[in-house]
N, C-alpha and C. Protein backbone atom coordinates (compact mmCIF):
# COMPACT_ATOMS: atom_id res chain seq x y z
N UNK A 1 190.00 159.34 54.14
CA UNK A 1 190.15 160.70 53.41
C UNK A 1 189.98 160.43 52.00
N UNK A 2 190.84 159.27 51.55
CA UNK A 2 190.68 159.04 50.05
C UNK A 2 189.30 158.65 49.52
N UNK A 3 188.53 158.02 50.39
CA UNK A 3 187.18 157.64 49.88
C UNK A 3 186.24 159.07 49.77
N UNK A 4 186.52 159.86 50.83
CA UNK A 4 185.83 161.28 50.57
C UNK A 4 186.19 161.99 49.48
N UNK A 5 187.47 162.03 49.02
CA UNK A 5 188.22 162.63 47.99
C UNK A 5 187.55 162.04 46.53
N UNK A 6 187.27 160.73 46.56
CA UNK A 6 186.79 160.09 45.39
C UNK A 6 185.30 160.49 45.54
N UNK A 7 184.50 160.42 46.23
CA UNK A 7 183.11 160.70 46.36
C UNK A 7 183.00 162.09 45.95
N UNK A 8 183.69 163.21 46.32
CA UNK A 8 183.67 164.58 45.85
C UNK A 8 184.04 164.32 44.11
N UNK A 9 184.77 163.56 43.72
CA UNK A 9 185.29 163.75 42.36
C UNK A 9 184.09 163.00 41.55
N UNK A 10 183.26 162.07 42.06
CA UNK A 10 182.13 161.64 41.47
C UNK A 10 180.98 162.65 41.46
N UNK A 11 180.75 163.33 42.43
CA UNK A 11 179.77 164.44 42.56
C UNK A 11 180.07 165.56 41.53
N UNK A 12 181.51 165.87 41.46
CA UNK A 12 181.80 166.75 40.34
C UNK A 12 181.59 166.24 38.93
N UNK A 13 181.64 164.98 38.79
CA UNK A 13 181.58 164.39 37.56
C UNK A 13 180.15 164.55 37.13
N UNK A 14 179.27 164.19 37.97
CA UNK A 14 177.82 164.23 37.80
C UNK A 14 177.61 165.77 37.31
N UNK A 15 177.95 166.68 37.86
CA UNK A 15 177.60 168.01 37.59
C UNK A 15 178.32 168.44 36.31
N UNK A 16 179.35 167.96 35.97
CA UNK A 16 180.23 168.30 34.73
C UNK A 16 179.36 167.62 33.53
N UNK A 17 178.97 166.43 33.75
CA UNK A 17 178.17 165.79 32.55
C UNK A 17 176.92 166.46 32.42
N UNK A 18 176.13 166.90 33.53
CA UNK A 18 174.90 167.58 33.27
C UNK A 18 175.05 168.85 32.66
N UNK A 19 176.12 169.56 32.84
CA UNK A 19 176.58 171.08 32.39
C UNK A 19 176.52 170.81 30.63
N UNK A 20 177.09 169.66 30.23
CA UNK A 20 177.25 169.75 28.62
C UNK A 20 175.88 169.35 27.94
N UNK A 21 174.83 169.23 28.70
CA UNK A 21 173.49 169.08 27.95
C UNK A 21 172.75 170.30 28.02
N UNK A 22 173.46 171.32 28.53
CA UNK A 22 172.77 172.67 28.64
C UNK A 22 172.78 173.25 27.23
N UNK A 23 171.54 174.14 26.92
CA UNK A 23 171.67 174.65 25.71
C UNK A 23 172.42 176.04 25.53
N UNK A 24 172.76 176.55 26.55
CA UNK A 24 173.43 177.89 26.59
C UNK A 24 174.88 177.76 27.03
N UNK A 25 175.81 178.70 26.56
CA UNK A 25 177.30 178.59 26.94
C UNK A 25 177.19 179.19 28.59
N UNK A 26 176.16 180.11 28.85
CA UNK A 26 176.14 180.67 30.17
C UNK A 26 175.99 179.34 31.26
N UNK A 27 175.03 178.68 30.89
CA UNK A 27 174.64 177.34 31.83
C UNK A 27 175.68 176.44 31.87
N UNK A 28 176.37 176.22 30.86
CA UNK A 28 177.42 175.19 30.84
C UNK A 28 178.53 175.92 31.84
N UNK A 29 178.91 177.12 31.68
CA UNK A 29 180.05 177.76 32.43
C UNK A 29 179.54 177.83 33.90
N UNK A 30 178.17 178.11 34.31
CA UNK A 30 177.85 178.19 35.62
C UNK A 30 178.00 176.80 36.42
N UNK A 31 177.31 175.75 35.62
CA UNK A 31 177.77 174.38 36.23
C UNK A 31 179.14 173.93 36.32
N UNK A 32 179.79 174.47 35.37
CA UNK A 32 181.48 174.18 35.39
C UNK A 32 182.10 174.60 36.44
N UNK A 33 181.54 175.93 37.08
CA UNK A 33 182.10 176.63 38.32
C UNK A 33 181.85 175.54 39.36
N UNK A 34 180.91 174.93 39.61
CA UNK A 34 180.58 174.19 40.62
C UNK A 34 181.31 172.86 40.44
N UNK A 35 181.31 172.22 39.43
CA UNK A 35 182.31 171.08 39.15
C UNK A 35 183.57 171.35 39.40
N UNK A 36 184.18 172.54 38.86
CA UNK A 36 185.65 172.54 39.08
C UNK A 36 186.06 172.90 40.66
N UNK A 37 185.07 173.34 41.31
CA UNK A 37 185.28 173.72 42.72
C UNK A 37 185.37 172.44 43.48
N UNK A 38 184.60 171.40 43.15
CA UNK A 38 184.59 170.20 43.73
C UNK A 38 185.87 169.19 43.09
N UNK A 39 186.26 169.37 42.10
CA UNK A 39 187.54 168.89 41.56
C UNK A 39 188.73 169.34 42.06
N UNK A 40 188.79 170.72 42.41
CA UNK A 40 189.78 171.34 42.94
C UNK A 40 190.10 170.63 44.35
N UNK A 41 189.20 170.55 45.28
CA UNK A 41 189.21 169.91 46.48
C UNK A 41 189.65 168.47 46.21
N UNK A 42 189.06 167.63 45.35
CA UNK A 42 189.31 166.22 45.00
C UNK A 42 190.89 166.12 44.63
N UNK A 43 191.18 166.76 43.92
CA UNK A 43 192.69 166.69 43.34
C UNK A 43 193.65 167.14 44.56
N UNK A 44 193.38 168.07 45.26
CA UNK A 44 194.20 168.37 46.42
C UNK A 44 194.31 167.23 47.37
N UNK A 45 193.27 166.50 47.55
CA UNK A 45 193.06 165.58 48.56
C UNK A 45 193.93 164.12 48.10
N UNK A 46 194.01 163.96 46.81
CA UNK A 46 194.63 162.75 46.25
C UNK A 46 196.19 163.04 45.89
N UNK A 47 196.57 164.44 46.11
CA UNK A 47 197.80 164.87 45.88
C UNK A 47 198.35 165.14 44.53
N UNK A 48 197.15 165.43 43.68
CA UNK A 48 197.48 165.68 42.22
C UNK A 48 197.45 167.12 42.11
N UNK A 49 198.45 168.03 42.58
CA UNK A 49 198.45 169.42 42.82
C UNK A 49 198.33 170.06 41.56
N UNK A 50 198.86 169.73 40.58
CA UNK A 50 198.70 170.44 39.21
C UNK A 50 197.47 170.55 38.65
N UNK A 51 196.67 169.24 38.83
CA UNK A 51 195.28 169.40 38.62
C UNK A 51 194.49 170.31 39.58
N UNK A 52 194.80 170.23 40.81
CA UNK A 52 193.99 170.83 41.83
C UNK A 52 194.01 172.44 41.42
N UNK A 53 195.30 172.87 41.21
CA UNK A 53 195.31 174.46 40.86
C UNK A 53 194.71 174.72 39.62
N UNK A 54 194.86 173.80 38.59
CA UNK A 54 194.32 174.05 37.35
C UNK A 54 192.92 174.20 37.35
N UNK A 55 192.15 173.34 38.14
CA UNK A 55 190.93 173.44 38.39
C UNK A 55 190.43 174.64 39.10
N UNK A 56 191.25 175.15 40.22
CA UNK A 56 190.83 176.33 40.73
C UNK A 56 190.97 177.44 39.81
N UNK A 57 191.92 177.48 38.81
CA UNK A 57 191.95 178.57 37.78
C UNK A 57 190.57 178.29 36.82
N UNK A 58 190.30 176.92 36.75
CA UNK A 58 189.18 176.83 35.78
C UNK A 58 187.68 177.43 36.36
N UNK A 59 187.75 177.27 37.72
CA UNK A 59 186.60 177.67 38.36
C UNK A 59 186.37 179.21 38.30
N UNK A 60 187.55 179.80 38.44
CA UNK A 60 187.59 181.27 38.40
C UNK A 60 187.21 181.72 36.78
N UNK A 61 187.79 180.96 35.78
CA UNK A 61 187.52 181.14 34.49
C UNK A 61 186.24 180.99 34.09
N UNK A 62 185.68 179.88 34.64
CA UNK A 62 184.19 179.70 34.34
C UNK A 62 183.42 180.69 34.82
N UNK A 63 183.55 181.08 35.94
CA UNK A 63 182.85 182.08 36.71
C UNK A 63 182.84 183.54 35.93
N UNK A 64 184.14 183.74 35.39
CA UNK A 64 184.27 185.11 34.44
C UNK A 64 183.47 184.98 33.29
N UNK A 65 183.81 183.67 32.51
CA UNK A 65 183.18 183.52 31.30
C UNK A 65 181.43 183.33 31.46
N UNK A 66 181.00 183.10 32.42
CA UNK A 66 179.47 182.98 32.52
C UNK A 66 179.07 184.43 32.66
N UNK A 67 179.91 185.29 32.79
CA UNK A 67 179.31 186.94 32.71
C UNK A 67 179.69 187.56 31.57
N UNK A 68 179.86 186.87 30.49
CA UNK A 68 180.58 187.25 29.10
C UNK A 68 179.50 188.43 28.73
N UNK A 69 178.39 188.43 29.19
CA UNK A 69 177.54 189.67 28.74
C UNK A 69 178.03 190.95 29.26
N UNK A 70 178.83 191.08 30.14
CA UNK A 70 179.37 192.04 30.88
C UNK A 70 180.71 192.74 30.22
N UNK A 71 180.84 193.89 29.92
CA UNK A 71 182.04 194.22 28.95
C UNK A 71 183.39 193.56 29.61
N UNK A 72 183.49 193.76 30.75
CA UNK A 72 184.68 193.35 31.48
C UNK A 72 185.10 192.07 31.37
N UNK A 73 184.11 191.03 31.39
CA UNK A 73 184.40 189.79 31.38
C UNK A 73 184.53 189.35 29.84
N UNK A 74 183.92 190.01 29.10
CA UNK A 74 184.13 189.67 27.64
C UNK A 74 185.40 190.01 26.97
N UNK A 75 186.06 190.69 27.75
CA UNK A 75 187.49 191.28 27.19
C UNK A 75 188.23 190.10 26.87
N UNK A 76 188.99 190.19 25.64
CA UNK A 76 189.91 189.10 25.10
C UNK A 76 191.24 188.84 26.05
N UNK A 77 191.63 189.87 26.88
CA UNK A 77 192.60 189.71 27.89
C UNK A 77 192.64 188.37 28.63
N UNK A 78 191.30 188.03 29.07
CA UNK A 78 191.06 186.82 29.89
C UNK A 78 191.77 185.62 29.26
N UNK A 79 191.55 185.44 27.91
CA UNK A 79 192.33 184.15 27.33
C UNK A 79 193.64 184.29 27.60
N UNK A 80 194.45 185.37 27.34
CA UNK A 80 195.82 185.43 27.60
C UNK A 80 196.19 185.30 29.07
N UNK A 81 195.55 185.88 29.86
CA UNK A 81 195.52 185.71 31.46
C UNK A 81 195.54 184.18 31.70
N UNK A 82 194.52 183.55 31.35
CA UNK A 82 194.45 182.07 31.86
C UNK A 82 195.39 181.25 31.21
N UNK A 83 195.74 181.48 29.90
CA UNK A 83 196.95 180.52 29.19
C UNK A 83 198.21 180.92 29.89
N UNK A 84 198.45 181.98 30.21
CA UNK A 84 199.81 182.36 31.01
C UNK A 84 199.88 181.67 32.38
N UNK A 85 198.65 181.83 32.97
CA UNK A 85 198.52 181.32 34.54
C UNK A 85 198.66 179.80 34.18
N UNK A 86 198.15 179.22 33.28
CA UNK A 86 198.13 177.73 33.14
C UNK A 86 199.49 177.30 32.88
N UNK A 87 200.24 177.90 32.10
CA UNK A 87 201.74 177.50 31.69
C UNK A 87 202.65 177.85 33.01
N UNK A 88 202.28 178.81 33.89
CA UNK A 88 203.09 179.21 34.99
C UNK A 88 202.78 178.13 36.13
N UNK A 89 201.54 177.58 36.26
CA UNK A 89 201.15 176.52 37.17
C UNK A 89 202.18 175.17 36.71
N UNK A 90 202.22 175.03 35.32
CA UNK A 90 202.87 173.81 34.93
C UNK A 90 204.62 173.89 35.45
N UNK A 91 204.95 175.11 35.23
CA UNK A 91 206.42 175.35 35.52
C UNK A 91 206.49 175.17 37.00
N UNK A 92 205.70 175.88 37.69
CA UNK A 92 205.65 175.79 39.19
C UNK A 92 205.63 174.61 39.91
N UNK A 93 204.69 173.67 39.39
CA UNK A 93 204.38 172.39 40.00
C UNK A 93 205.71 171.70 40.08
N UNK A 94 206.58 171.69 39.46
CA UNK A 94 207.96 170.83 39.54
C UNK A 94 208.69 171.49 40.72
N UNK A 95 208.58 172.82 41.05
CA UNK A 95 209.36 173.60 41.94
C UNK A 95 208.62 173.43 43.49
N UNK A 96 207.35 173.84 43.45
CA UNK A 96 206.47 174.11 44.53
C UNK A 96 205.93 172.55 45.12
N UNK A 97 205.73 171.62 44.31
CA UNK A 97 205.17 170.52 44.66
C UNK A 97 206.21 169.36 44.63
N UNK A 98 207.55 169.59 44.30
CA UNK A 98 208.39 168.89 44.13
C UNK A 98 208.29 167.64 43.51
N UNK A 99 207.59 167.91 42.22
CA UNK A 99 207.55 166.84 41.23
C UNK A 99 208.62 166.51 40.49
N UNK A 100 209.25 165.34 40.56
CA UNK A 100 210.49 165.01 39.78
C UNK A 100 210.18 165.46 38.45
N UNK A 101 211.08 166.09 37.73
CA UNK A 101 210.96 166.48 36.23
C UNK A 101 211.42 165.38 35.37
N UNK A 102 210.90 164.11 35.64
CA UNK A 102 211.19 163.15 34.60
C UNK A 102 210.35 163.34 33.38
N UNK A 103 210.91 162.81 32.17
CA UNK A 103 210.04 162.88 31.04
C UNK A 103 208.56 162.33 31.06
N UNK A 104 208.44 161.29 31.81
CA UNK A 104 206.92 161.03 32.23
C UNK A 104 206.21 162.02 32.99
N UNK A 105 206.81 162.56 33.82
CA UNK A 105 206.22 163.70 34.65
C UNK A 105 205.87 164.75 33.97
N UNK A 106 206.92 165.15 33.08
CA UNK A 106 206.57 166.37 32.40
C UNK A 106 205.51 166.22 31.20
N UNK A 107 205.41 164.97 30.85
CA UNK A 107 204.44 164.72 29.74
C UNK A 107 203.10 164.66 30.45
N UNK A 108 202.88 163.92 31.51
CA UNK A 108 201.64 163.86 32.10
C UNK A 108 200.98 165.30 32.67
N UNK A 109 201.88 165.92 33.40
CA UNK A 109 201.52 167.21 33.77
C UNK A 109 201.41 168.14 32.81
N UNK A 110 201.89 168.04 31.57
CA UNK A 110 201.65 168.98 30.29
C UNK A 110 200.20 168.77 29.81
N UNK A 111 199.77 167.39 29.80
CA UNK A 111 198.39 167.14 29.40
C UNK A 111 197.18 167.83 29.81
N UNK A 112 197.47 168.15 31.09
CA UNK A 112 196.21 168.99 31.74
C UNK A 112 196.28 170.52 31.59
N UNK A 113 197.55 170.94 31.35
CA UNK A 113 197.82 172.27 30.85
C UNK A 113 197.23 172.56 29.45
N UNK A 114 197.68 171.63 28.61
CA UNK A 114 197.01 171.68 27.23
C UNK A 114 195.40 171.55 27.19
N UNK A 115 194.86 170.83 28.03
CA UNK A 115 193.38 170.36 28.13
C UNK A 115 192.88 171.67 28.62
N UNK A 116 193.58 172.35 29.65
CA UNK A 116 193.07 173.72 30.22
C UNK A 116 193.00 174.90 28.95
N UNK A 117 194.09 174.83 28.16
CA UNK A 117 194.13 175.79 26.94
C UNK A 117 192.90 175.54 25.96
N UNK A 118 192.77 174.31 25.66
CA UNK A 118 191.49 174.01 24.82
C UNK A 118 190.19 174.54 25.69
N UNK A 119 189.89 174.20 26.80
CA UNK A 119 188.83 174.61 27.55
C UNK A 119 188.64 176.27 27.61
N UNK A 120 190.02 176.92 27.75
CA UNK A 120 189.98 178.23 27.92
C UNK A 120 189.43 178.92 26.74
N UNK A 121 189.79 178.44 25.62
CA UNK A 121 189.45 178.91 24.15
C UNK A 121 187.88 178.31 23.92
N UNK A 122 187.58 177.28 24.30
CA UNK A 122 186.16 176.74 24.25
C UNK A 122 185.09 177.47 25.02
N UNK A 123 185.42 177.89 26.21
CA UNK A 123 184.30 178.47 26.95
C UNK A 123 184.38 179.91 26.45
N UNK A 124 185.04 180.30 25.63
CA UNK A 124 184.95 182.01 25.01
C UNK A 124 184.05 181.85 23.80
N UNK A 125 183.73 180.62 23.40
CA UNK A 125 183.04 180.60 22.16
C UNK A 125 181.50 181.05 22.56
N UNK A 126 180.78 181.61 21.53
CA UNK A 126 179.51 181.99 21.74
C UNK A 126 178.51 180.85 21.67
N UNK A 127 178.85 179.79 20.78
CA UNK A 127 177.88 178.82 20.51
C UNK A 127 178.14 177.60 21.54
N UNK A 128 177.10 176.98 22.12
CA UNK A 128 177.33 175.96 22.97
C UNK A 128 178.04 174.57 22.17
N UNK A 129 177.57 174.71 20.90
CA UNK A 129 178.14 173.68 19.97
C UNK A 129 179.70 173.76 19.92
N UNK A 130 180.18 174.95 20.02
CA UNK A 130 181.83 175.00 19.89
C UNK A 130 182.39 174.64 21.22
N UNK A 131 181.64 175.04 22.20
CA UNK A 131 182.10 174.73 23.80
C UNK A 131 182.40 173.05 23.78
N UNK A 132 181.46 172.55 23.17
CA UNK A 132 181.20 170.95 23.21
C UNK A 132 182.38 170.42 22.36
N UNK A 133 182.63 171.06 21.46
CA UNK A 133 183.69 170.48 20.37
C UNK A 133 185.19 170.60 21.20
N UNK A 134 185.42 171.82 21.59
CA UNK A 134 186.57 172.19 22.49
C UNK A 134 186.84 171.12 23.59
N UNK A 135 185.58 171.01 24.20
CA UNK A 135 185.75 170.06 25.44
C UNK A 135 186.07 168.55 25.23
N UNK A 136 185.53 168.28 24.12
CA UNK A 136 185.73 166.82 23.56
C UNK A 136 187.31 166.65 23.34
N UNK A 137 187.99 167.83 22.78
CA UNK A 137 189.61 167.63 22.83
C UNK A 137 190.20 167.68 24.13
N UNK A 138 189.62 168.50 25.33
CA UNK A 138 190.17 168.60 26.40
C UNK A 138 190.13 167.11 27.13
N UNK A 139 188.97 166.42 27.06
CA UNK A 139 188.52 165.32 27.99
C UNK A 139 189.50 164.19 28.02
N UNK A 140 189.99 163.84 26.82
CA UNK A 140 191.09 162.70 26.69
C UNK A 140 192.38 162.86 27.34
N UNK A 141 192.68 164.27 27.30
CA UNK A 141 193.90 164.73 28.06
C UNK A 141 193.79 164.59 29.75
N UNK A 142 192.69 164.99 30.13
CA UNK A 142 192.49 164.90 31.52
C UNK A 142 192.23 163.37 31.74
N UNK A 143 191.57 162.65 30.84
CA UNK A 143 191.50 161.19 31.23
C UNK A 143 192.91 160.48 31.49
N UNK A 144 193.75 160.78 30.78
CA UNK A 144 195.19 160.12 30.91
C UNK A 144 195.71 160.61 32.30
N UNK A 145 195.51 161.94 32.50
CA UNK A 145 196.19 162.42 33.82
C UNK A 145 195.23 161.82 34.89
N UNK A 146 194.17 161.73 34.75
CA UNK A 146 193.39 160.91 35.81
C UNK A 146 193.75 159.43 36.08
N UNK A 147 193.98 158.82 34.91
CA UNK A 147 194.36 157.63 35.26
C UNK A 147 195.82 157.44 35.84
N UNK A 148 196.82 158.40 35.50
CA UNK A 148 197.98 158.05 36.18
C UNK A 148 197.91 158.62 37.55
N UNK A 149 196.94 159.49 38.02
CA UNK A 149 196.85 159.86 39.41
C UNK A 149 195.90 158.99 40.16
N UNK A 150 195.18 158.06 39.69
CA UNK A 150 194.27 157.20 40.15
C UNK A 150 193.05 157.96 40.66
N UNK A 151 192.43 158.73 40.14
CA UNK A 151 191.34 159.69 40.44
C UNK A 151 190.20 158.98 39.88
N UNK A 152 189.45 158.29 40.52
CA UNK A 152 188.36 157.57 40.23
C UNK A 152 187.23 158.31 39.55
N UNK A 153 187.14 159.57 40.38
CA UNK A 153 186.09 160.52 40.10
C UNK A 153 186.50 160.95 38.77
N UNK A 154 187.69 161.49 38.53
CA UNK A 154 188.17 162.10 37.46
C UNK A 154 187.98 161.16 36.18
N UNK A 155 188.50 159.92 36.36
CA UNK A 155 188.22 159.01 35.30
C UNK A 155 186.95 159.04 34.83
N UNK A 156 185.96 158.68 35.70
CA UNK A 156 184.46 158.47 35.53
C UNK A 156 184.05 159.75 34.97
N UNK A 157 184.50 160.97 35.44
CA UNK A 157 184.14 162.32 34.71
C UNK A 157 184.33 162.29 33.37
N UNK A 158 185.61 162.03 32.94
CA UNK A 158 185.88 162.37 31.54
C UNK A 158 185.24 161.25 30.59
N UNK A 159 185.12 159.85 31.17
CA UNK A 159 184.31 159.20 30.39
C UNK A 159 183.03 159.73 30.09
N UNK A 160 182.18 159.91 31.29
CA UNK A 160 180.95 160.46 31.26
C UNK A 160 180.88 161.84 30.39
N UNK A 161 181.81 162.56 30.47
CA UNK A 161 181.86 163.94 29.75
C UNK A 161 181.93 163.53 28.24
N UNK A 162 182.84 162.66 27.91
CA UNK A 162 183.01 162.27 26.47
C UNK A 162 181.60 161.70 25.90
N UNK A 163 181.07 160.86 26.70
CA UNK A 163 179.70 160.25 26.29
C UNK A 163 178.67 161.46 26.21
N UNK A 164 178.57 162.18 27.30
CA UNK A 164 177.65 163.53 27.10
C UNK A 164 177.72 164.33 26.13
N UNK A 165 178.96 164.47 25.73
CA UNK A 165 179.44 165.62 24.70
C UNK A 165 178.85 164.86 23.21
N UNK A 166 179.09 163.75 23.20
CA UNK A 166 178.65 162.81 21.78
C UNK A 166 177.17 162.94 21.95
N UNK A 167 176.38 162.60 23.05
CA UNK A 167 175.03 162.75 22.95
C UNK A 167 174.33 164.04 22.66
N UNK A 168 175.03 165.14 23.67
CA UNK A 168 174.72 166.51 23.20
C UNK A 168 174.87 166.90 21.69
N UNK A 169 175.91 166.36 21.14
CA UNK A 169 176.20 166.84 19.83
C UNK A 169 175.16 166.31 18.92
N UNK A 170 174.82 165.01 19.10
CA UNK A 170 173.69 164.33 18.33
C UNK A 170 172.24 165.02 18.62
N UNK A 171 171.98 165.15 19.87
CA UNK A 171 170.65 165.81 20.41
C UNK A 171 170.62 167.29 19.82
N UNK A 172 171.63 168.08 20.02
CA UNK A 172 171.39 169.48 19.99
C UNK A 172 172.08 170.09 18.61
N UNK A 173 173.11 169.45 18.06
CA UNK A 173 173.96 169.86 17.10
C UNK A 173 173.35 169.28 15.66
N UNK A 174 173.40 167.89 15.68
CA UNK A 174 173.39 167.15 14.48
C UNK A 174 172.02 166.99 14.07
N UNK A 175 171.12 166.55 15.00
CA UNK A 175 169.68 166.24 14.79
C UNK A 175 168.89 167.41 14.29
N UNK A 176 169.21 168.54 14.93
CA UNK A 176 168.71 169.86 14.64
C UNK A 176 168.69 170.09 13.18
N UNK A 177 169.78 169.75 12.58
CA UNK A 177 169.99 169.99 11.25
C UNK A 177 169.07 169.16 10.21
């Protein structure tokens, strides 16, 4: 089962890396839906339940944000909804999944919540360049979480995401100027 989980994580990593090469915010968001769906399953299978639930929320968020041309999806209330839900997931993780509230665990679990907050704000940006900047802040936080949970797919995903963002920034943002 663990091998299957790691394979799902690697497939999700490939999709996430490809997404950041997209020229539009909408394409980034749609590919992120696919990637976060696979990461949701991946994290649940390896027992990293906070990561699983936050990825599930991320999948819903990306689906909504990909429809930002619709009035209901463009409403700023979604920022508040996803920020509040991320914080609630953090608090409930210690109760529902019986994660011991040690200083280490509180710190590790908070990293992905902070990362989700940056991604929530990033995917609301109109320019793909800004999405990449916010994601560049998010990725190191998830990288640490992935190392602590031995998520090979997650570790590779964040490494490739960071590299992909830097390439995309050069190719699409800097070189154009």
